[in-house]
Amino acid sequence: MKKDSLNLESYLEKVWPILEYCTKEIEIDEKTGRPTLDAASKKHIWYLYRQSFYGFDTVVNNTKYYYSAAANLIFTEKSKGTSLAGRSLSNIKWTEQPIFDPQRKFLMLEHMYTGTMFRIDVLKLLKEGRLSIEEVAPLIYDNYNVCWITKEENEKLDKTIRRGNLFEYYEDKKIIIVNV
């Protein structure tokens, strides 16, 4: 079996038919990013489109893991006595969370640039006649950020669209990101 060595562009090539279909064939509200899904088959393809967004983290080499002060306190306490003790939360991947937070009760890895924001930006590219892997890749490289936050902090965030500078948005919500 071959070792998985996808980069962002090769990952986009794999998911491109789904991204292109959903952008061109499914009506999407430009302000909310919500689709009109009038058939079960469209719902399934839309689900795959949404899920492909989460794969970017595995193929973007420069994804920085930000974290809030509150999340870092919980991580520091919960990771004591584990293989993660002494490591920075900025180096902890989602797959490692069960080591210190077995039921994922306390923290979550939040997408600062949400999937909805991404899909709205992709729709803009289509309307401008610029929908291509070469145009979509920079959206991801420039905007794809994740942040460890507490479940309580997550309740303060809009789940779909965040306007303006993402770091200022979090600050306005009283979420202090300490490793900017």
N, C-alpha and C. Protein backbone atom coordinates (compact mmCIF):
# COMPACT_ATOMS: atom_id res chain seq x y z
N MET A 1 0.83 -1.18 0.00
CA MET A 1 0.00 0.00 0.00
C MET A 1 0.88 1.25 0.00
N LYS A 2 0.52 2.22 -0.79
CA LYS A 2 1.29 3.46 -0.88
C LYS A 2 1.06 4.34 0.33
N LYS A 3 2.10 5.03 0.74
CA LYS A 3 1.99 5.98 1.83
C LYS A 3 1.23 7.21 1.33
N ASP A 4 0.33 7.71 2.16
CA ASP A 4 -0.46 8.89 1.81
C ASP A 4 0.45 10.11 1.85
N SER A 5 0.63 10.76 0.71
CA SER A 5 1.50 11.93 0.66
C SER A 5 0.81 13.08 -0.06
N LEU A 6 -0.44 13.30 0.27
CA LEU A 6 -1.17 14.38 -0.37
C LEU A 6 -0.70 15.73 0.14
N ASN A 7 -0.64 16.69 -0.75
CA ASN A 7 -0.49 18.07 -0.35
C ASN A 7 -1.84 18.74 -0.62
N LEU A 8 -1.95 20.01 -0.34
CA LEU A 8 -3.24 20.68 -0.51
C LEU A 8 -3.75 20.58 -1.93
N GLU A 9 -2.90 20.84 -2.89
CA GLU A 9 -3.34 20.83 -4.29
C GLU A 9 -3.80 19.44 -4.72
N SER A 10 -3.07 18.40 -4.33
CA SER A 10 -3.49 17.05 -4.72
C SER A 10 -4.75 16.62 -3.97
N TYR A 11 -4.92 17.08 -2.74
CA TYR A 11 -6.15 16.83 -2.00
C TYR A 11 -7.32 17.51 -2.71
N LEU A 12 -7.12 18.77 -3.11
CA LEU A 12 -8.18 19.48 -3.83
C LEU A 12 -8.55 18.77 -5.13
N GLU A 13 -7.56 18.22 -5.81
CA GLU A 13 -7.85 17.47 -7.04
C GLU A 13 -8.79 16.30 -6.75
N LYS A 14 -8.61 15.65 -5.61
CA LYS A 14 -9.44 14.50 -5.24
C LYS A 14 -10.88 14.92 -4.92
N VAL A 15 -11.03 16.03 -4.21
CA VAL A 15 -12.37 16.45 -3.80
C VAL A 15 -13.00 17.46 -4.77
N TRP A 16 -12.24 17.84 -5.79
CA TRP A 16 -12.70 18.88 -6.71
C TRP A 16 -14.06 18.59 -7.34
N PRO A 17 -14.34 17.38 -7.83
CA PRO A 17 -15.66 17.16 -8.44
C PRO A 17 -16.82 17.46 -7.48
N ILE A 18 -16.63 17.15 -6.21
CA ILE A 18 -17.67 17.43 -5.22
C ILE A 18 -17.78 18.93 -4.98
N LEU A 19 -16.64 19.59 -4.80
CA LEU A 19 -16.63 21.04 -4.58
C LEU A 19 -17.26 21.76 -5.77
N GLU A 20 -16.86 21.38 -6.95
CA GLU A 20 -17.37 22.03 -8.16
C GLU A 20 -18.87 21.79 -8.33
N TYR A 21 -19.31 20.56 -8.13
CA TYR A 21 -20.73 20.24 -8.26
C TYR A 21 -21.55 21.07 -7.27
N CYS A 22 -21.14 21.07 -6.02
CA CYS A 22 -21.90 21.79 -5.00
C CYS A 22 -21.92 23.29 -5.25
N THR A 23 -20.82 23.82 -5.75
CA THR A 23 -20.75 25.26 -6.00
C THR A 23 -21.59 25.65 -7.23
N LYS A 24 -21.58 24.81 -8.24
CA LYS A 24 -22.28 25.14 -9.49
C LYS A 24 -23.73 24.70 -9.51
N GLU A 25 -24.04 23.57 -8.89
CA GLU A 25 -25.35 22.96 -9.06
C GLU A 25 -26.31 23.10 -7.88
N ILE A 26 -25.79 23.45 -6.73
CA ILE A 26 -26.65 23.60 -5.56
C ILE A 26 -26.77 25.08 -5.26
N GLU A 27 -28.00 25.55 -5.19
CA GLU A 27 -28.23 26.96 -4.91
C GLU A 27 -27.81 27.25 -3.47
N ILE A 28 -26.95 28.25 -3.32
CA ILE A 28 -26.43 28.62 -2.01
C ILE A 28 -26.74 30.09 -1.76
N ASP A 29 -27.30 30.39 -0.60
CA ASP A 29 -27.55 31.77 -0.22
C ASP A 29 -26.21 32.45 0.02
N GLU A 30 -25.94 33.52 -0.71
CA GLU A 30 -24.64 34.19 -0.65
C GLU A 30 -24.35 34.86 0.68
N LYS A 31 -25.38 35.15 1.47
CA LYS A 31 -25.16 35.81 2.76
C LYS A 31 -25.00 34.81 3.90
N THR A 32 -25.79 33.75 3.87
CA THR A 32 -25.76 32.79 4.98
C THR A 32 -24.94 31.55 4.66
N GLY A 33 -24.71 31.28 3.37
CA GLY A 33 -23.99 30.08 2.98
C GLY A 33 -24.84 28.83 3.04
N ARG A 34 -26.13 28.98 3.30
CA ARG A 34 -27.02 27.82 3.41
C ARG A 34 -27.47 27.36 2.03
N PRO A 35 -27.48 26.04 1.85
CA PRO A 35 -27.88 25.49 0.55
C PRO A 35 -29.38 25.22 0.46
N THR A 36 -29.88 25.14 -0.76
CA THR A 36 -31.23 24.65 -1.01
C THR A 36 -31.06 23.20 -1.45
N LEU A 37 -31.48 22.30 -0.60
CA LEU A 37 -31.28 20.87 -0.87
C LEU A 37 -32.65 20.23 -1.08
N ASP A 38 -33.02 20.09 -2.35
CA ASP A 38 -34.34 19.60 -2.68
C ASP A 38 -34.37 18.11 -3.05
N ALA A 39 -33.26 17.43 -2.91
CA ALA A 39 -33.21 16.00 -3.22
C ALA A 39 -32.25 15.31 -2.26
N ALA A 40 -32.57 14.08 -1.92
CA ALA A 40 -31.71 13.32 -1.00
C ALA A 40 -30.30 13.18 -1.53
N SER A 41 -30.16 12.99 -2.83
CA SER A 41 -28.82 12.84 -3.41
C SER A 41 -27.99 14.11 -3.22
N LYS A 42 -28.62 15.26 -3.34
CA LYS A 42 -27.90 16.52 -3.11
C LYS A 42 -27.46 16.63 -1.66
N LYS A 43 -28.29 16.15 -0.74
CA LYS A 43 -27.95 16.21 0.67
C LYS A 43 -26.70 15.38 0.95
N HIS A 44 -26.60 14.23 0.31
CA HIS A 44 -25.43 13.38 0.53
C HIS A 44 -24.16 14.02 -0.04
N ILE A 45 -24.26 14.59 -1.22
CA ILE A 45 -23.10 15.23 -1.83
C ILE A 45 -22.70 16.48 -1.03
N TRP A 46 -23.69 17.23 -0.57
CA TRP A 46 -23.41 18.40 0.25
C TRP A 46 -22.68 17.99 1.53
N TYR A 47 -23.08 16.88 2.13
CA TYR A 47 -22.41 16.37 3.32
C TYR A 47 -20.93 16.09 3.02
N LEU A 48 -20.66 15.45 1.88
CA LEU A 48 -19.27 15.16 1.50
C LEU A 48 -18.48 16.45 1.30
N TYR A 49 -19.11 17.45 0.71
CA TYR A 49 -18.46 18.74 0.51
C TYR A 49 -18.07 19.35 1.85
N ARG A 50 -19.02 19.34 2.79
CA ARG A 50 -18.73 19.90 4.11
C ARG A 50 -17.61 19.13 4.79
N GLN A 51 -17.62 17.81 4.70
CA GLN A 51 -16.60 17.00 5.34
C GLN A 51 -15.22 17.20 4.73
N SER A 52 -15.17 17.47 3.43
CA SER A 52 -13.86 17.66 2.79
C SER A 52 -13.12 18.85 3.38
N PHE A 53 -13.85 19.83 3.91
CA PHE A 53 -13.25 21.00 4.53
C PHE A 53 -12.36 20.59 5.71
N TYR A 54 -12.80 19.60 6.48
CA TYR A 54 -12.04 19.18 7.66
C TYR A 54 -10.74 18.48 7.29
N GLY A 55 -10.63 18.00 6.08
CA GLY A 55 -9.41 17.35 5.63
C GLY A 55 -8.28 18.31 5.33
N PHE A 56 -8.58 19.59 5.18
CA PHE A 56 -7.52 20.56 4.87
C PHE A 56 -6.43 20.55 5.92
N ASP A 57 -6.81 20.35 7.17
CA ASP A 57 -5.84 20.34 8.26
C ASP A 57 -4.76 19.29 8.05
N THR A 58 -5.09 18.19 7.41
CA THR A 58 -4.12 17.11 7.23
C THR A 58 -3.17 17.35 6.07
N VAL A 59 -3.48 18.32 5.21
CA VAL A 59 -2.65 18.55 4.02
C VAL A 59 -2.06 19.95 3.93
N VAL A 60 -2.43 20.83 4.84
CA VAL A 60 -1.85 22.18 4.87
C VAL A 60 -0.72 22.15 5.88
N ASN A 61 0.49 22.22 5.39
CA ASN A 61 1.67 22.08 6.26
C ASN A 61 1.83 23.21 7.26
N ASN A 62 1.32 24.38 6.95
CA ASN A 62 1.55 25.53 7.83
C ASN A 62 0.35 25.86 8.71
N THR A 63 -0.57 24.90 8.90
CA THR A 63 -1.70 25.18 9.79
C THR A 63 -1.15 25.44 11.18
N LYS A 64 -1.49 26.59 11.71
CA LYS A 64 -1.07 26.92 13.07
C LYS A 64 -2.22 26.61 14.02
N TYR A 65 -1.90 25.94 15.09
CA TYR A 65 -2.88 25.63 16.11
C TYR A 65 -2.82 26.72 17.18
N TYR A 66 -3.81 27.61 17.15
CA TYR A 66 -3.91 28.64 18.17
C TYR A 66 -4.62 28.03 19.39
N TYR A 67 -4.55 28.73 20.51
CA TYR A 67 -5.29 28.26 21.68
C TYR A 67 -5.61 29.43 22.59
N SER A 68 -6.72 29.26 23.30
CA SER A 68 -7.12 30.30 24.25
C SER A 68 -6.44 30.06 25.59
N ALA A 69 -6.39 31.11 26.39
CA ALA A 69 -5.79 31.00 27.72
C ALA A 69 -6.56 29.97 28.55
N ALA A 70 -7.88 29.99 28.45
CA ALA A 70 -8.71 29.05 29.22
C ALA A 70 -8.47 27.62 28.76
N ALA A 71 -8.36 27.40 27.48
CA ALA A 71 -8.10 26.05 26.95
C ALA A 71 -6.73 25.56 27.40
N ASN A 72 -5.76 26.45 27.42
CA ASN A 72 -4.41 26.06 27.83
C ASN A 72 -4.37 25.64 29.30
N LEU A 73 -5.11 26.34 30.14
CA LEU A 73 -5.17 25.96 31.56
C LEU A 73 -5.74 24.55 31.72
N ILE A 74 -6.81 24.26 31.01
CA ILE A 74 -7.42 22.93 31.09
C ILE A 74 -6.46 21.88 30.54
N PHE A 75 -5.84 22.17 29.40
CA PHE A 75 -4.89 21.21 28.82
C PHE A 75 -3.75 20.92 29.78
N THR A 76 -3.18 21.96 30.36
CA THR A 76 -2.05 21.79 31.28
C THR A 76 -2.43 20.88 32.45
N GLU A 77 -3.61 21.09 33.00
CA GLU A 77 -4.07 20.27 34.13
C GLU A 77 -4.40 18.84 33.68
N LYS A 78 -5.16 18.70 32.61
CA LYS A 78 -5.64 17.38 32.18
C LYS A 78 -4.54 16.52 31.55
N SER A 79 -3.48 17.14 31.06
CA SER A 79 -2.42 16.36 30.41
C SER A 79 -1.37 15.85 31.40
N LYS A 80 -1.44 16.29 32.65
CA LYS A 80 -0.49 15.81 33.66
C LYS A 80 -0.55 14.29 33.73
N GLY A 81 0.61 13.66 33.70
CA GLY A 81 0.68 12.21 33.80
C GLY A 81 0.39 11.47 32.49
N THR A 82 0.23 12.22 31.41
CA THR A 82 0.01 11.60 30.11
C THR A 82 1.25 11.80 29.23
N SER A 83 1.23 11.19 28.08
CA SER A 83 2.34 11.35 27.14
C SER A 83 2.40 12.77 26.56
N LEU A 84 1.38 13.56 26.81
CA LEU A 84 1.34 14.93 26.30
C LEU A 84 1.84 15.96 27.32
N ALA A 85 2.09 15.54 28.52
CA ALA A 85 2.53 16.46 29.58
C ALA A 85 3.78 17.22 29.13
N GLY A 86 3.75 18.52 29.36
CA GLY A 86 4.90 19.36 29.03
C GLY A 86 4.91 19.86 27.59
N ARG A 87 4.04 19.33 26.76
CA ARG A 87 3.97 19.82 25.38
C ARG A 87 3.09 21.06 25.30
N SER A 88 3.29 21.83 24.26
CA SER A 88 2.47 23.01 24.03
C SER A 88 1.17 22.60 23.35
N LEU A 89 0.09 23.21 23.74
CA LEU A 89 -1.20 22.94 23.12
C LEU A 89 -1.17 23.28 21.62
N SER A 90 -0.27 24.16 21.23
CA SER A 90 -0.15 24.52 19.81
C SER A 90 0.38 23.36 18.97
N ASN A 91 0.87 22.31 19.62
CA ASN A 91 1.38 21.14 18.90
C ASN A 91 0.48 19.91 19.06
N ILE A 92 -0.69 20.09 19.64
CA ILE A 92 -1.58 18.96 19.89
C ILE A 92 -2.63 18.90 18.78
N LYS A 93 -2.70 17.75 18.15
CA LYS A 93 -3.65 17.53 17.05
C LYS A 93 -4.98 17.03 17.61
N TRP A 94 -6.02 17.17 16.83
CA TRP A 94 -7.35 16.72 17.21
C TRP A 94 -7.33 15.24 17.56
N THR A 95 -6.56 14.45 16.84
CA THR A 95 -6.51 13.01 17.08
C THR A 95 -5.88 12.67 18.44
N GLU A 96 -5.13 13.61 19.02
CA GLU A 96 -4.50 13.38 20.33
C GLU A 96 -5.39 13.81 21.50
N GLN A 97 -6.46 14.50 21.23
CA GLN A 97 -7.31 15.02 22.30
C GLN A 97 -7.78 13.93 23.27
N PRO A 98 -8.17 12.74 22.82
CA PRO A 98 -8.64 11.74 23.79
C PRO A 98 -7.60 11.33 24.84
N ILE A 99 -6.33 11.61 24.61
CA ILE A 99 -5.30 11.29 25.60
C ILE A 99 -5.51 12.12 26.87
N PHE A 100 -5.91 13.38 26.72
CA PHE A 100 -6.11 14.23 27.90
C PHE A 100 -7.57 14.59 28.15
N ASP A 101 -8.42 14.33 27.18
CA ASP A 101 -9.84 14.69 27.27
C ASP A 101 -10.64 13.55 26.62
N PRO A 102 -10.72 12.39 27.28
CA PRO A 102 -11.23 11.17 26.65
C PRO A 102 -12.61 11.27 25.98
N GLN A 103 -13.51 11.97 26.55
CA GLN A 103 -14.84 12.11 25.93
C GLN A 103 -15.02 13.44 25.20
N ARG A 104 -13.90 14.16 25.01
CA ARG A 104 -13.94 15.49 24.39
C ARG A 104 -14.96 16.39 25.09
N LYS A 105 -14.93 16.35 26.41
CA LYS A 105 -15.88 17.11 27.23
C LYS A 105 -15.49 18.57 27.42
N PHE A 106 -14.19 18.84 27.41
CA PHE A 106 -13.73 20.15 27.86
C PHE A 106 -13.30 21.10 26.75
N LEU A 107 -12.58 20.57 25.77
CA LEU A 107 -12.04 21.43 24.71
C LEU A 107 -12.56 21.01 23.35
N MET A 108 -12.43 21.94 22.43
CA MET A 108 -12.71 21.62 21.04
C MET A 108 -11.74 22.38 20.15
N LEU A 109 -11.45 21.76 19.02
CA LEU A 109 -10.59 22.40 18.03
C LEU A 109 -11.52 23.11 17.05
N GLU A 110 -11.60 24.41 17.19
CA GLU A 110 -12.53 25.24 16.46
C GLU A 110 -11.90 25.77 15.17
N HIS A 111 -12.67 25.72 14.09
CA HIS A 111 -12.23 26.33 12.84
C HIS A 111 -12.56 27.81 12.90
N MET A 112 -11.54 28.63 12.97
CA MET A 112 -11.74 30.07 13.03
C MET A 112 -12.36 30.55 11.72
N TYR A 113 -11.81 30.10 10.62
CA TYR A 113 -12.35 30.34 9.27
C TYR A 113 -13.28 29.16 9.03
N THR A 114 -14.56 29.40 9.13
CA THR A 114 -15.52 28.31 9.11
C THR A 114 -15.73 27.74 7.71
N GLY A 115 -16.29 26.56 7.68
CA GLY A 115 -16.64 25.94 6.40
C GLY A 115 -17.61 26.80 5.62
N THR A 116 -18.54 27.44 6.31
CA THR A 116 -19.50 28.32 5.64
C THR A 116 -18.78 29.51 5.00
N MET A 117 -17.83 30.09 5.71
CA MET A 117 -17.08 31.21 5.16
C MET A 117 -16.31 30.76 3.91
N PHE A 118 -15.72 29.58 3.99
CA PHE A 118 -15.00 29.01 2.85
C PHE A 118 -15.95 28.83 1.66
N ARG A 119 -17.11 28.23 1.89
CA ARG A 119 -18.04 27.97 0.78
C ARG A 119 -18.56 29.26 0.16
N ILE A 120 -18.76 30.29 0.96
CA ILE A 120 -19.18 31.59 0.42
C ILE A 120 -18.06 32.18 -0.44
N ASP A 121 -16.82 32.06 0.02
CA ASP A 121 -15.68 32.56 -0.77
C ASP A 121 -15.52 31.79 -2.07
N VAL A 122 -15.77 30.47 -2.04
CA VAL A 122 -15.69 29.66 -3.26
C VAL A 122 -16.81 30.07 -4.22
N LEU A 123 -17.99 30.34 -3.70
CA LEU A 123 -19.10 30.80 -4.53
C LEU A 123 -18.76 32.14 -5.20
N LYS A 124 -18.09 33.02 -4.49
CA LYS A 124 -17.66 34.30 -5.08
C LYS A 124 -16.70 34.06 -6.24
N LEU A 125 -15.80 33.11 -6.08
CA LEU A 125 -14.88 32.77 -7.18
C LEU A 125 -15.65 32.31 -8.40
N LEU A 126 -16.67 31.48 -8.20
CA LEU A 126 -17.50 31.02 -9.32
C LEU A 126 -18.15 32.21 -10.02
N LYS A 127 -18.74 33.09 -9.26
CA LYS A 127 -19.44 34.25 -9.84
C LYS A 127 -18.49 35.18 -10.58
N GLU A 128 -17.22 35.20 -10.16
CA GLU A 128 -16.20 36.01 -10.82
C GLU A 128 -15.55 35.27 -11.98
N GLY A 129 -15.97 34.03 -12.23
CA GLY A 129 -15.39 33.24 -13.32
C GLY A 129 -13.98 32.74 -13.01
N ARG A 130 -13.66 32.61 -11.73
CA ARG A 130 -12.29 32.23 -11.34
C ARG A 130 -12.25 30.93 -10.53
N LEU A 131 -13.28 30.11 -10.63
CA LEU A 131 -13.31 28.88 -9.85
C LEU A 131 -12.31 27.87 -10.42
N SER A 132 -11.24 27.64 -9.66
CA SER A 132 -10.21 26.69 -10.06
C SER A 132 -9.43 26.29 -8.82
N ILE A 133 -8.72 25.20 -8.92
CA ILE A 133 -7.87 24.77 -7.80
C ILE A 133 -6.83 25.85 -7.50
N GLU A 134 -6.31 26.48 -8.56
CA GLU A 134 -5.28 27.52 -8.38
C GLU A 134 -5.82 28.73 -7.62
N GLU A 135 -7.12 28.97 -7.68
CA GLU A 135 -7.73 30.10 -6.95
C GLU A 135 -8.22 29.68 -5.56
N VAL A 136 -8.65 28.43 -5.43
CA VAL A 136 -9.17 27.96 -4.15
C VAL A 136 -8.04 27.70 -3.15
N ALA A 137 -6.94 27.16 -3.62
CA ALA A 137 -5.82 26.84 -2.72
C ALA A 137 -5.37 28.04 -1.88
N PRO A 138 -5.20 29.24 -2.47
CA PRO A 138 -4.80 30.39 -1.63
C PRO A 138 -5.83 30.76 -0.57
N LEU A 139 -7.13 30.53 -0.84
CA LEU A 139 -8.14 30.78 0.19
C LEU A 139 -7.82 29.97 1.44
N ILE A 140 -7.44 28.74 1.21
CA ILE A 140 -7.16 27.84 2.33
C ILE A 140 -5.84 28.21 2.98
N TYR A 141 -4.79 28.39 2.17
CA TYR A 141 -3.49 28.75 2.73
C TYR A 141 -3.57 30.04 3.55
N ASP A 142 -4.34 31.01 3.08
CA ASP A 142 -4.39 32.33 3.72
C ASP A 142 -5.36 32.40 4.90
N ASN A 143 -6.38 31.54 4.93
CA ASN A 143 -7.45 31.72 5.91
C ASN A 143 -7.67 30.56 6.86
N TYR A 144 -7.23 29.37 6.50
CA TYR A 144 -7.55 28.19 7.31
C TYR A 144 -6.78 28.24 8.63
N ASN A 145 -7.49 28.53 9.70
CA ASN A 145 -6.92 28.59 11.05
C ASN A 145 -7.78 27.78 11.99
N VAL A 146 -7.14 27.11 12.93
CA VAL A 146 -7.87 26.38 13.97
C VAL A 146 -7.41 26.87 15.33
N CYS A 147 -8.28 26.69 16.32
CA CYS A 147 -7.98 27.21 17.65
C CYS A 147 -8.60 26.30 18.70
N TRP A 148 -7.79 25.86 19.64
CA TRP A 148 -8.29 25.11 20.79
C TRP A 148 -8.99 26.10 21.71
N ILE A 149 -10.25 25.82 22.00
CA ILE A 149 -11.03 26.66 22.92
C ILE A 149 -11.83 25.73 23.84
N THR A 150 -12.38 26.32 24.88
CA THR A 150 -13.23 25.53 25.79
C THR A 150 -14.63 25.41 25.19
N LYS A 151 -15.37 24.45 25.70
CA LYS A 151 -16.77 24.29 25.25
C LYS A 151 -17.58 25.54 25.59
N GLU A 152 -17.28 26.16 26.73
CA GLU A 152 -17.99 27.39 27.12
C GLU A 152 -17.66 28.54 26.16
N GLU A 153 -16.41 28.65 25.77
CA GLU A 153 -16.03 29.71 24.82
C GLU A 153 -16.72 29.48 23.48
N ASN A 154 -16.85 28.24 23.09
CA ASN A 154 -17.49 27.94 21.82
C ASN A 154 -18.94 28.46 21.76
N GLU A 155 -19.60 28.47 22.91
CA GLU A 155 -20.98 28.95 22.96
C GLU A 155 -21.09 30.44 22.60
N LYS A 156 -20.02 31.17 22.70
CA LYS A 156 -20.01 32.61 22.41
C LYS A 156 -19.89 32.91 20.91
N LEU A 157 -19.50 31.92 20.12
CA LEU A 157 -19.18 32.15 18.72
C LEU A 157 -20.35 31.91 17.78
N ASP A 158 -20.44 32.74 16.74
CA ASP A 158 -21.36 32.45 15.65
C ASP A 158 -20.83 31.20 14.97
N LYS A 159 -21.69 30.27 14.68
CA LYS A 159 -21.23 28.98 14.15
C LYS A 159 -20.94 28.99 12.65
N THR A 160 -21.36 30.01 11.95
CA THR A 160 -21.19 29.97 10.50
C THR A 160 -20.32 31.09 9.94
N ILE A 161 -20.66 32.33 10.25
CA ILE A 161 -19.97 33.47 9.62
C ILE A 161 -19.43 34.41 10.69
N ARG A 162 -18.16 34.74 10.54
CA ARG A 162 -17.51 35.67 11.45
C ARG A 162 -16.91 36.79 10.63
N ARG A 163 -17.32 37.97 10.89
CA ARG A 163 -16.91 39.13 10.09
C ARG A 163 -15.63 39.75 10.62
N GLY A 164 -14.88 40.33 9.70
CA GLY A 164 -13.68 41.08 10.07
C GLY A 164 -12.51 40.19 10.42
N ASN A 165 -11.55 40.80 11.09
CA ASN A 165 -10.35 40.09 11.52
C ASN A 165 -10.74 39.03 12.54
N LEU A 166 -10.35 37.78 12.29
CA LEU A 166 -10.76 36.68 13.16
C LEU A 166 -10.23 36.82 14.57
N PHE A 167 -9.04 37.33 14.74
CA PHE A 167 -8.47 37.49 16.07
C PHE A 167 -9.21 38.57 16.85
N GLU A 168 -9.59 39.63 16.18
CA GLU A 168 -10.38 40.68 16.83
C GLU A 168 -11.78 40.16 17.15
N TYR A 169 -12.33 39.34 16.28
CA TYR A 169 -13.63 38.73 16.52
C TYR A 169 -13.60 37.92 17.82
N TYR A 170 -12.57 37.08 17.98
CA TYR A 170 -12.45 36.28 19.19
C TYR A 170 -12.27 37.19 20.41
N GLU A 171 -11.45 38.21 20.27
CA GLU A 171 -11.24 39.14 21.38
C GLU A 171 -12.55 39.81 21.79
N ASP A 172 -13.36 40.21 20.80
CA ASP A 172 -14.65 40.83 21.09
C ASP A 172 -15.57 39.87 21.84
N LYS A 173 -15.39 38.58 21.63
CA LYS A 173 -16.19 37.56 22.32
C LYS A 173 -15.57 37.15 23.66
N LYS A 174 -14.52 37.89 24.07
CA LYS A 174 -13.83 37.65 25.35
C LYS A 174 -13.13 36.29 25.37
N ILE A 175 -12.61 35.88 24.21
CA ILE A 175 -11.80 34.68 24.11
C ILE A 175 -10.38 35.15 23.85
N ILE A 176 -9.51 34.91 24.80
CA ILE A 176 -8.15 35.41 24.73
C ILE A 176 -7.24 34.35 24.12
N ILE A 177 -6.80 34.60 22.91
CA ILE A 177 -5.87 33.69 22.25
C ILE A 177 -4.47 34.13 22.63
N VAL A 178 -3.72 33.23 23.23
CA VAL A 178 -2.44 33.63 23.81
C VAL A 178 -1.24 33.39 22.90
N ASN A 179 -1.38 32.62 21.85
CA ASN A 179 -0.20 32.34 21.01
C ASN A 179 -0.35 32.92 19.60
N VAL A 180 -0.77 34.17 19.53
CA VAL A 180 -0.91 34.84 18.23
C VAL A 180 0.46 35.29 17.77
